[in-house]
Amino acid sequence: MKRVLEAFAANSVFANICLLLIFFAGGLATLSMIRESFPEFSVDKISITVAYPGADPEEVEEGISRKIEETLESVEGIKQVVTTSAENRASVIVEVKDGHGVDEVLDQLKSRINAISTFPLDAEKPVIREIIHKEVVVLLALSGNLSEKQLKEWGERVKDEVKLIPAVSQVETYGTRDYEISIELSEQRLKEYGLTLGEVAEAVRRSSVNLAGGTLRTSGEEIRIRTVGRKYTGEELAGVVILAR
């Protein structure tokens, strides 16, 4: 180090050139440096989601979740696996061990899970992605002398338009309630037929459900029997039979 200082002291031109190069390199680094108030960062977790429309939790567990769990047993770098089997959907959260790259484990998961050929025919393609913590960049509020339904519709329109901006990667709406269907009953008709609100609610519940009817096994395949009877619109619910004699 002493010799280097002596060389700089003996040759001031060389020292000035080195100093200018250092300043120039620092300026370039400052201009190209990524500046973020709330940077994105990974939490070393991977999410796997498989939609299975019309299936109950038992069908999701047997047809999707267990097969994913068996596949993950042979993948290196996994610390913990949390599986959730719900109605119409299977969700898996994979935590990566320290010292293993998330991208490497993610590539292994994609190749292994996409190679599973025994998923039910009605199951959708698995969605596999790294969980990244994100912060909100812009909040856009809509207000006006409109009903909640109209504000919700306008919010969806604005959401679709903002998604078209090339620099925008994700847009979410919140602050409004989900759509609901209310059923109004006539007190006079209830008394006329001797019905209670609980009996009507139970009849509606029984008439709007998807039921698994078991499995038919043959030598070449396995067929699941399922009754799809869930109702989603007011017109469908209006046709529910409450009492028949």
C-alpha atoms as a PDB file:
ATOM      1  CA  MET A   1       0.000   0.000   0.000  1.00  0.00           C
ATOM      2  CA  LYS A   2       2.879   2.357   0.793  1.00  0.00           C
ATOM      3  CA  ARG A   3       4.392   1.824  -2.653  1.00  0.00           C
ATOM      4  CA  VAL A   4       1.068   2.593  -4.313  1.00  0.00           C
ATOM      5  CA  LEU A   5       0.815   5.883  -2.433  1.00  0.00           C
ATOM      6  CA  GLU A   6       4.393   6.759  -3.367  1.00  0.00           C
ATOM      7  CA  ALA A   7       3.620   6.039  -7.040  1.00  0.00           C
ATOM      8  CA  PHE A   8       0.592   8.359  -6.919  1.00  0.00           C
ATOM      9  CA  ALA A   9       2.637  11.074  -5.201  1.00  0.00           C
ATOM     10  CA  ALA A  10       5.403  10.818  -7.766  1.00  0.00           C
ATOM     11  CA  ASN A  11       3.056  10.912 -10.767  1.00  0.00           C
ATOM     12  CA  SER A  12       0.257  13.397 -10.184  1.00  0.00           C
ATOM     13  CA  VAL A  13      -1.105  13.055 -13.742  1.00  0.00           C
ATOM     14  CA  PHE A  14      -1.676   9.318 -13.301  1.00  0.00           C
ATOM     15  CA  ALA A  15      -3.318   9.941  -9.935  1.00  0.00           C
ATOM     16  CA  ASN A  16      -5.687  12.527 -11.424  1.00  0.00           C
ATOM     17  CA  ILE A  17      -6.630  10.187 -14.282  1.00  0.00           C
ATOM     18  CA  CYS A  18      -7.448   7.378 -11.838  1.00  0.00           C
ATOM     19  CA  LEU A  19      -9.521   9.792  -9.741  1.00  0.00           C
ATOM     20  CA  LEU A  20     -11.502  10.933 -12.789  1.00  0.00           C
ATOM     21  CA  LEU A  21     -12.118   7.311 -13.808  1.00  0.00           C
ATOM     22  CA  ILE A  22     -13.421   6.515 -10.324  1.00  0.00           C
ATOM     23  CA  PHE A  23     -15.794   9.517 -10.441  1.00  0.00           C
ATOM     24  CA  PHE A  24     -16.965   8.580 -13.927  1.00  0.00           C
ATOM     25  CA  ALA A  25     -17.635   4.945 -12.946  1.00  0.00           C
ATOM     26  CA  GLY A  26     -19.501   6.102  -9.835  1.00  0.00           C
ATOM     27  CA  GLY A  27     -21.682   8.439 -11.912  1.00  0.00           C
ATOM     28  CA  LEU A  28     -22.575   5.648 -14.337  1.00  0.00           C
ATOM     29  CA  ALA A  29     -23.420   3.330 -11.456  1.00  0.00           C
ATOM     30  CA  THR A  30     -25.670   5.980  -9.885  1.00  0.00           C
ATOM     31  CA  LEU A  31     -27.601   6.535 -13.118  1.00  0.00           C
ATOM     32  CA  SER A  32     -28.151   2.818 -13.700  1.00  0.00           C
ATOM     33  CA  MET A  33     -28.946   1.954 -10.087  1.00  0.00           C
ATOM     34  CA  ILE A  34     -32.476   0.662  -9.383  1.00  0.00           C
ATOM     35  CA  ARG A  35     -34.223   2.977  -6.928  1.00  0.00           C
ATOM     36  CA  GLU A  36     -37.365   1.732  -5.157  1.00  0.00           C
ATOM     37  CA  SER A  37     -39.086   3.009  -2.064  1.00  0.00           C
ATOM     38  CA  PHE A  38     -40.583  -0.421  -1.329  1.00  0.00           C
ATOM     39  CA  PRO A  39     -38.598  -3.050  -3.261  1.00  0.00           C
ATOM     40  CA  GLU A  40     -40.050  -6.465  -4.042  1.00  0.00           C
ATOM     41  CA  PHE A  41     -38.440  -9.392  -2.253  1.00  0.00           C
ATOM     42  CA  SER A  42     -38.971 -13.119  -2.173  1.00  0.00           C
ATOM     43  CA  VAL A  43     -40.120 -14.939   0.960  1.00  0.00           C
ATOM     44  CA  ASP A  44     -38.609 -18.248  -0.220  1.00  0.00           C
ATOM     45  CA  LYS A  45     -42.019 -19.773  -0.827  1.00  0.00           C
ATOM     46  CA  ILE A  46     -43.710 -21.191  -3.907  1.00  0.00           C
ATOM     47  CA  SER A  47     -47.455 -21.388  -4.487  1.00  0.00           C
ATOM     48  CA  ILE A  48     -49.133 -24.199  -6.433  1.00  0.00           C
ATOM     49  CA  THR A  49     -52.832 -23.852  -7.242  1.00  0.00           C
ATOM     50  CA  VAL A  50     -54.996 -26.297  -9.180  1.00  0.00           C
ATOM     51  CA  ALA A  51     -58.645 -25.481  -9.870  1.00  0.00           C
ATOM     52  CA  TYR A  52     -61.109 -28.393  -9.980  1.00  0.00           C
ATOM     53  CA  PRO A  53     -64.569 -26.913 -10.684  1.00  0.00           C
ATOM     54  CA  GLY A  54     -67.515 -28.714  -9.140  1.00  0.00           C
ATOM     55  CA  ALA A  55     -65.434 -30.997  -6.903  1.00  0.00           C
ATOM     56  CA  ASP A  56     -65.871 -31.369  -3.160  1.00  0.00           C
ATOM     57  CA  PRO A  57     -62.859 -31.308  -0.760  1.00  0.00           C
ATOM     58  CA  GLU A  58     -62.602 -35.115  -0.666  1.00  0.00           C
ATOM     59  CA  GLU A  59     -62.378 -35.334  -4.445  1.00  0.00           C
ATOM     60  CA  VAL A  60     -59.795 -32.532  -4.496  1.00  0.00           C
ATOM     61  CA  GLU A  61     -57.770 -34.318  -1.801  1.00  0.00           C
ATOM     62  CA  GLU A  62     -57.774 -37.666  -3.573  1.00  0.00           C
ATOM     63  CA  GLY A  63     -57.521 -36.488  -7.164  1.00  0.00           C
ATOM     64  CA  ILE A  64     -55.046 -33.599  -6.839  1.00  0.00           C
ATOM     65  CA  SER A  65     -53.520 -32.909  -3.420  1.00  0.00           C
ATOM     66  CA  ARG A  66     -52.191 -36.383  -2.717  1.00  0.00           C
ATOM     67  CA  LYS A  67     -50.669 -36.685  -6.174  1.00  0.00           C
ATOM     68  CA  ILE A  68     -48.876 -33.358  -5.748  1.00  0.00           C
ATOM     69  CA  GLU A  69     -47.593 -34.377  -2.311  1.00  0.00           C
ATOM     70  CA  GLU A  70     -46.237 -37.665  -3.685  1.00  0.00           C
ATOM     71  CA  THR A  71     -44.481 -35.800  -6.490  1.00  0.00           C
ATOM     72  CA  LEU A  72     -42.883 -33.278  -4.114  1.00  0.00           C
ATOM     73  CA  GLU A  73     -41.277 -36.017  -2.007  1.00  0.00           C
ATOM     74  CA  SER A  74     -38.481 -36.462  -4.558  1.00  0.00           C
ATOM     75  CA  VAL A  75     -37.710 -32.743  -5.028  1.00  0.00           C
ATOM     76  CA  GLU A  76     -34.565 -31.468  -3.292  1.00  0.00           C
ATOM     77  CA  GLY A  77     -34.478 -28.193  -1.399  1.00  0.00           C
ATOM     78  CA  ILE A  78     -37.974 -28.316   0.107  1.00  0.00           C
ATOM     79  CA  LYS A  79     -38.236 -27.418   3.783  1.00  0.00           C
ATOM     80  CA  GLN A  80     -41.983 -27.648   4.351  1.00  0.00           C
ATOM     81  CA  VAL A  81     -45.161 -28.325   2.369  1.00  0.00           C
ATOM     82  CA  VAL A  82     -48.608 -27.085   3.439  1.00  0.00           C
ATOM     83  CA  THR A  83     -51.537 -28.483   1.426  1.00  0.00           C
ATOM     84  CA  THR A  84     -55.101 -27.206   1.531  1.00  0.00           C
ATOM     85  CA  SER A  85     -57.926 -29.107  -0.151  1.00  0.00           C
ATOM     86  CA  ALA A  86     -61.022 -26.949  -0.483  1.00  0.00           C
ATOM     87  CA  GLU A  87     -64.107 -27.020  -2.630  1.00  0.00           C
ATOM     88  CA  ASN A  88     -63.205 -26.512  -6.304  1.00  0.00           C
ATOM     89  CA  ARG A  89     -59.528 -25.887  -5.568  1.00  0.00           C
ATOM     90  CA  ALA A  90     -56.283 -27.374  -4.236  1.00  0.00           C
ATOM     91  CA  SER A  91     -53.627 -25.057  -2.841  1.00  0.00           C
ATOM     92  CA  VAL A  92     -50.052 -25.974  -1.906  1.00  0.00           C
ATOM     93  CA  ILE A  93     -47.449 -23.711  -0.287  1.00  0.00           C
ATOM     94  CA  VAL A  94     -43.850 -24.955  -0.590  1.00  0.00           C
ATOM     95  CA  GLU A  95     -41.157 -23.422   1.631  1.00  0.00           C
ATOM     96  CA  VAL A  96     -37.606 -23.606   0.274  1.00  0.00           C
ATOM     97  CA  LYS A  97     -34.658 -24.569   2.484  1.00  0.00           C
ATOM     98  CA  ASP A  98     -31.909 -22.075   3.242  1.00  0.00           C
ATOM     99  CA  GLY A  99     -29.036 -22.388   0.801  1.00  0.00           C
ATOM    100  CA  HIS A 100     -31.210 -23.546  -2.086  1.00  0.00           C
ATOM    101  CA  GLY A 101     -32.201 -21.208  -4.890  1.00  0.00           C
ATOM    102  CA  VAL A 102     -35.920 -20.528  -5.240  1.00  0.00           C
ATOM    103  CA  ASP A 103     -35.625 -20.411  -9.040  1.00  0.00           C
ATOM    104  CA  GLU A 104     -33.973 -23.825  -9.108  1.00  0.00           C
ATOM    105  CA  VAL A 105     -36.673 -25.408  -6.940  1.00  0.00           C
ATOM    106  CA  LEU A 106     -39.362 -23.613  -8.950  1.00  0.00           C
ATOM    107  CA  ASP A 107     -38.072 -25.116 -12.202  1.00  0.00           C
ATOM    108  CA  GLN A 108     -38.083 -28.587 -10.650  1.00  0.00           C
ATOM    109  CA  LEU A 109     -41.643 -28.171  -9.404  1.00  0.00           C
ATOM    110  CA  LYS A 110     -42.889 -26.996 -12.797  1.00  0.00           C
ATOM    111  CA  SER A 111     -41.322 -29.937 -14.622  1.00  0.00           C
ATOM    112  CA  ARG A 112     -42.506 -32.522 -12.079  1.00  0.00           C
ATOM    113  CA  ILE A 113     -46.074 -31.255 -11.607  1.00  0.00           C
ATOM    114  CA  ASN A 114     -46.707 -30.536 -15.287  1.00  0.00           C
ATOM    115  CA  ALA A 115     -45.658 -34.128 -15.972  1.00  0.00           C
ATOM    116  CA  ILE A 116     -48.480 -35.548 -13.814  1.00  0.00           C
ATOM    117  CA  SER A 117     -50.907 -37.204 -16.229  1.00  0.00           C
ATOM    118  CA  THR A 118     -53.342 -38.643 -13.693  1.00  0.00           C
ATOM    119  CA  PHE A 119     -55.112 -35.437 -12.688  1.00  0.00           C
ATOM    120  CA  PRO A 120     -58.913 -35.549 -13.191  1.00  0.00           C
ATOM    121  CA  LEU A 121     -60.078 -34.528 -16.652  1.00  0.00           C
ATOM    122  CA  ASP A 122     -62.035 -31.563 -15.275  1.00  0.00           C
ATOM    123  CA  ALA A 123     -59.019 -30.186 -13.398  1.00  0.00           C
ATOM    124  CA  GLU A 124     -57.458 -27.046 -14.835  1.00  0.00           C
ATOM    125  CA  LYS A 125     -53.775 -26.502 -15.552  1.00  0.00           C
ATOM    126  CA  PRO A 126     -51.664 -26.007 -12.383  1.00  0.00           C
ATOM    127  CA  VAL A 127     -50.569 -22.447 -11.626  1.00  0.00           C
ATOM    128  CA  ILE A 128     -47.066 -22.474 -10.130  1.00  0.00           C
ATOM    129  CA  ARG A 129     -45.411 -19.212  -9.076  1.00  0.00           C
ATOM    130  CA  GLU A 130     -42.975 -17.766  -6.599  1.00  0.00           C
ATOM    131  CA  ILE A 131     -44.536 -15.803  -3.749  1.00  0.00           C
ATOM    132  CA  ILE A 132     -43.113 -12.286  -3.855  1.00  0.00           C
ATOM    133  CA  HIS A 133     -43.912  -9.572  -1.343  1.00  0.00           C
ATOM    134  CA  LYS A 134     -45.238  -6.519  -3.146  1.00  0.00           C
ATOM    135  CA  GLU A 135     -46.150  -3.030  -2.029  1.00  0.00           C
ATOM    136  CA  VAL A 136     -48.909  -0.873  -3.430  1.00  0.00           C
ATOM    137  CA  VAL A 137     -47.633   1.803  -5.807  1.00  0.00           C
ATOM    138  CA  VAL A 138     -50.823   3.742  -6.557  1.00  0.00           C
ATOM    139  CA  LEU A 139     -54.225   3.814  -4.860  1.00  0.00           C
ATOM    140  CA  LEU A 140     -57.101   4.991  -7.004  1.00  0.00           C
ATOM    141  CA  ALA A 141     -60.407   5.748  -5.252  1.00  0.00           C
ATOM    142  CA  LEU A 142     -63.755   6.013  -7.017  1.00  0.00           C
ATOM    143  CA  SER A 143     -66.616   7.941  -5.459  1.00  0.00           C
ATOM    144  CA  GLY A 144     -69.826   9.510  -6.633  1.00  0.00           C
ATOM    145  CA  ASN A 145     -73.560   9.674  -6.257  1.00  0.00           C
ATOM    146  CA  LEU A 146     -73.982   6.082  -7.438  1.00  0.00           C
ATOM    147  CA  SER A 147     -75.148   2.836  -5.922  1.00  0.00           C
ATOM    148  CA  GLU A 148     -72.659   0.292  -4.645  1.00  0.00           C
ATOM    149  CA  LYS A 149     -73.404  -1.947  -7.623  1.00  0.00           C
ATOM    150  CA  GLN A 150     -72.689   0.862 -10.086  1.00  0.00           C
ATOM    151  CA  LEU A 151     -69.458   1.800  -8.306  1.00  0.00           C
ATOM    152  CA  LYS A 152     -68.366  -1.839  -8.415  1.00  0.00           C
ATOM    153  CA  GLU A 153     -69.050  -2.017 -12.154  1.00  0.00           C
ATOM    154  CA  TRP A 154     -67.114   1.210 -12.764  1.00  0.00           C
ATOM    155  CA  GLY A 155     -64.265  -0.148 -10.658  1.00  0.00           C
ATOM    156  CA  GLU A 156     -64.071  -3.249 -12.834  1.00  0.00           C
ATOM    157  CA  ARG A 157     -63.995  -1.074 -15.964  1.00  0.00           C
ATOM    158  CA  VAL A 158     -61.152   1.043 -14.575  1.00  0.00           C
ATOM    159  CA  LYS A 159     -59.321  -2.123 -13.538  1.00  0.00           C
ATOM    160  CA  ASP A 160     -59.507  -3.516 -17.085  1.00  0.00           C
ATOM    161  CA  GLU A 161     -58.256  -0.234 -18.553  1.00  0.00           C
ATOM    162  CA  VAL A 162     -55.353   0.065 -16.113  1.00  0.00           C
ATOM    163  CA  LYS A 163     -54.306  -3.509 -16.916  1.00  0.00           C
ATOM    164  CA  LEU A 164     -53.752  -2.441 -20.517  1.00  0.00           C
ATOM    165  CA  ILE A 165     -50.901  -0.124 -19.471  1.00  0.00           C
ATOM    166  CA  PRO A 166     -47.644  -1.952 -20.377  1.00  0.00           C
ATOM    167  CA  ALA A 167     -45.826  -0.959 -17.178  1.00  0.00           C
ATOM    168  CA  VAL A 168     -48.595  -2.282 -14.891  1.00  0.00           C
ATOM    169  CA  SER A 169     -48.188  -5.897 -13.760  1.00  0.00           C
ATOM    170  CA  GLN A 170     -51.018  -6.322 -11.274  1.00  0.00           C
ATOM    171  CA  VAL A 171     -54.279  -4.543 -10.428  1.00  0.00           C
ATOM    172  CA  GLU A 172     -56.710  -5.399  -7.640  1.00  0.00           C
ATOM    173  CA  THR A 173     -60.043  -3.962  -6.573  1.00  0.00           C
ATOM    174  CA  TYR A 174     -61.373  -3.905  -3.037  1.00  0.00           C
ATOM    175  CA  GLY A 175     -63.771  -1.982  -0.867  1.00  0.00           C
ATOM    176  CA  THR A 176     -66.992  -3.436  -2.260  1.00  0.00           C
ATOM    177  CA  ARG A 177     -68.921  -6.492  -1.225  1.00  0.00           C
ATOM    178  CA  ASP A 178     -69.231  -9.635  -3.297  1.00  0.00           C
ATOM    179  CA  TYR A 179     -72.431 -10.148  -5.230  1.00  0.00           C
ATOM    180  CA  GLU A 180     -75.213 -11.810  -3.257  1.00  0.00           C
ATOM    181  CA  ILE A 181     -78.674 -13.156  -4.042  1.00  0.00           C
ATOM    182  CA  SER A 182     -81.421 -12.467  -1.506  1.00  0.00           C
ATOM    183  CA  ILE A 183     -84.611 -14.532  -1.354  1.00  0.00           C
ATOM    184  CA  GLU A 184     -87.731 -12.766  -0.106  1.00  0.00           C
ATOM    185  CA  LEU A 185     -90.603 -14.803   1.300  1.00  0.00           C
ATOM    186  CA  SER A 186     -94.266 -14.059   1.760  1.00  0.00           C
ATOM    187  CA  GLU A 187     -95.365 -14.403   5.378  1.00  0.00           C
ATOM    188  CA  GLN A 188     -98.898 -15.192   4.257  1.00  0.00           C
ATOM    189  CA  ARG A 189     -97.766 -18.037   1.976  1.00  0.00           C
ATOM    190  CA  LEU A 190     -95.571 -19.458   4.719  1.00  0.00           C
ATOM    191  CA  LYS A 191     -98.539 -19.608   7.094  1.00  0.00           C
ATOM    192  CA  GLU A 192    -100.738 -21.038   4.356  1.00  0.00           C
ATOM    193  CA  TYR A 193     -98.427 -24.001   3.778  1.00  0.00           C
ATOM    194  CA  GLY A 194     -97.239 -24.319   7.379  1.00  0.00           C
ATOM    195  CA  LEU A 195     -93.591 -23.617   6.548  1.00  0.00           C
ATOM    196  CA  THR A 196     -90.848 -21.935   8.552  1.00  0.00           C
ATOM    197  CA  LEU A 197     -87.879 -19.906   7.384  1.00  0.00           C
ATOM    198  CA  GLY A 198     -85.565 -22.720   8.432  1.00  0.00           C
ATOM    199  CA  GLU A 199     -87.430 -25.249   6.300  1.00  0.00           C
ATOM    200  CA  VAL A 200     -87.249 -22.960   3.261  1.00  0.00           C
ATOM    201  CA  ALA A 201     -83.541 -22.343   3.819  1.00  0.00           C
ATOM    202  CA  GLU A 202     -82.902 -26.091   4.102  1.00  0.00           C
ATOM    203  CA  ALA A 203     -84.842 -26.753   0.876  1.00  0.00           C
ATOM    204  CA  VAL A 204     -82.800 -24.133  -0.966  1.00  0.00           C
ATOM    205  CA  ARG A 205     -79.594 -25.539   0.467  1.00  0.00           C
ATOM    206  CA  ARG A 206     -80.457 -29.105  -0.641  1.00  0.00           C
ATOM    207  CA  SER A 207     -81.415 -27.933  -4.125  1.00  0.00           C
ATOM    208  CA  SER A 208     -78.252 -25.913  -4.730  1.00  0.00           C
ATOM    209  CA  VAL A 209     -75.315 -28.223  -4.201  1.00  0.00           C
ATOM    210  CA  ASN A 210     -72.886 -30.363  -6.172  1.00  0.00           C
ATOM    211  CA  LEU A 211     -72.821 -33.916  -4.847  1.00  0.00           C
ATOM    212  CA  ALA A 212     -70.286 -36.680  -5.388  1.00  0.00           C
ATOM    213  CA  GLY A 213     -71.994 -39.928  -6.312  1.00  0.00           C
ATOM    214  CA  GLY A 214     -69.097 -42.327  -5.980  1.00  0.00           C
ATOM    215  CA  THR A 215     -66.733 -43.987  -8.416  1.00  0.00           C
ATOM    216  CA  LEU A 216     -67.107 -46.550 -11.178  1.00  0.00           C
ATOM    217  CA  ARG A 217     -63.979 -48.617 -11.733  1.00  0.00           C
ATOM    218  CA  THR A 218     -63.403 -50.593 -14.886  1.00  0.00           C
ATOM    219  CA  SER A 219     -60.405 -52.478 -16.171  1.00  0.00           C
ATOM    220  CA  GLY A 220     -59.287 -49.498 -18.213  1.00  0.00           C
ATOM    221  CA  GLU A 221     -60.355 -46.415 -16.320  1.00  0.00           C
ATOM    222  CA  GLU A 222     -61.928 -44.876 -13.255  1.00  0.00           C
ATOM    223  CA  ILE A 223     -65.073 -42.766 -13.668  1.00  0.00           C
ATOM    224  CA  ARG A 224     -66.286 -40.397 -10.963  1.00  0.00           C
ATOM    225  CA  ILE A 225     -70.019 -39.755 -10.710  1.00  0.00           C
ATOM    226  CA  ARG A 226     -70.994 -36.270  -9.635  1.00  0.00           C
ATOM    227  CA  THR A 227     -74.315 -34.426  -9.635  1.00  0.00           C
ATOM    228  CA  VAL A 228     -73.880 -30.778 -10.636  1.00  0.00           C
ATOM    229  CA  GLY A 229     -76.835 -28.910  -9.199  1.00  0.00           C
ATOM    230  CA  ARG A 230     -75.481 -25.688  -7.748  1.00  0.00           C
ATOM    231  CA  LYS A 231     -77.513 -22.632  -8.730  1.00  0.00           C
ATOM    232  CA  TYR A 232     -75.885 -19.282  -9.404  1.00  0.00           C
ATOM    233  CA  THR A 233     -78.656 -16.950 -10.594  1.00  0.00           C
ATOM    234  CA  GLY A 234     -81.943 -15.656  -9.229  1.00  0.00           C
ATOM    235  CA  GLU A 235     -83.881 -17.334 -12.055  1.00  0.00           C
ATOM    236  CA  GLU A 236     -82.423 -20.733 -11.115  1.00  0.00           C
ATOM    237  CA  LEU A 237     -83.212 -20.272  -7.424  1.00  0.00           C
ATOM    238  CA  ALA A 238     -86.779 -19.182  -8.274  1.00  0.00           C
ATOM    239  CA  GLY A 239     -87.388 -22.670  -9.659  1.00  0.00           C
ATOM    240  CA  VAL A 240     -86.512 -24.476  -6.411  1.00  0.00           C
ATOM    241  CA  VAL A 241     -89.379 -26.625  -5.131  1.00  0.00           C
ATOM    242  CA  ILE A 242     -89.943 -25.899  -1.433  1.00  0.00           C
ATOM    243  CA  LEU A 243     -92.883 -28.243  -0.763  1.00  0.00           C
ATOM    244  CA  ALA A 244     -94.375 -30.996  -2.923  1.00  0.00           C
ATOM    245  CA  ARG A 245     -97.186 -33.374  -2.066  1.00  0.00           C
END
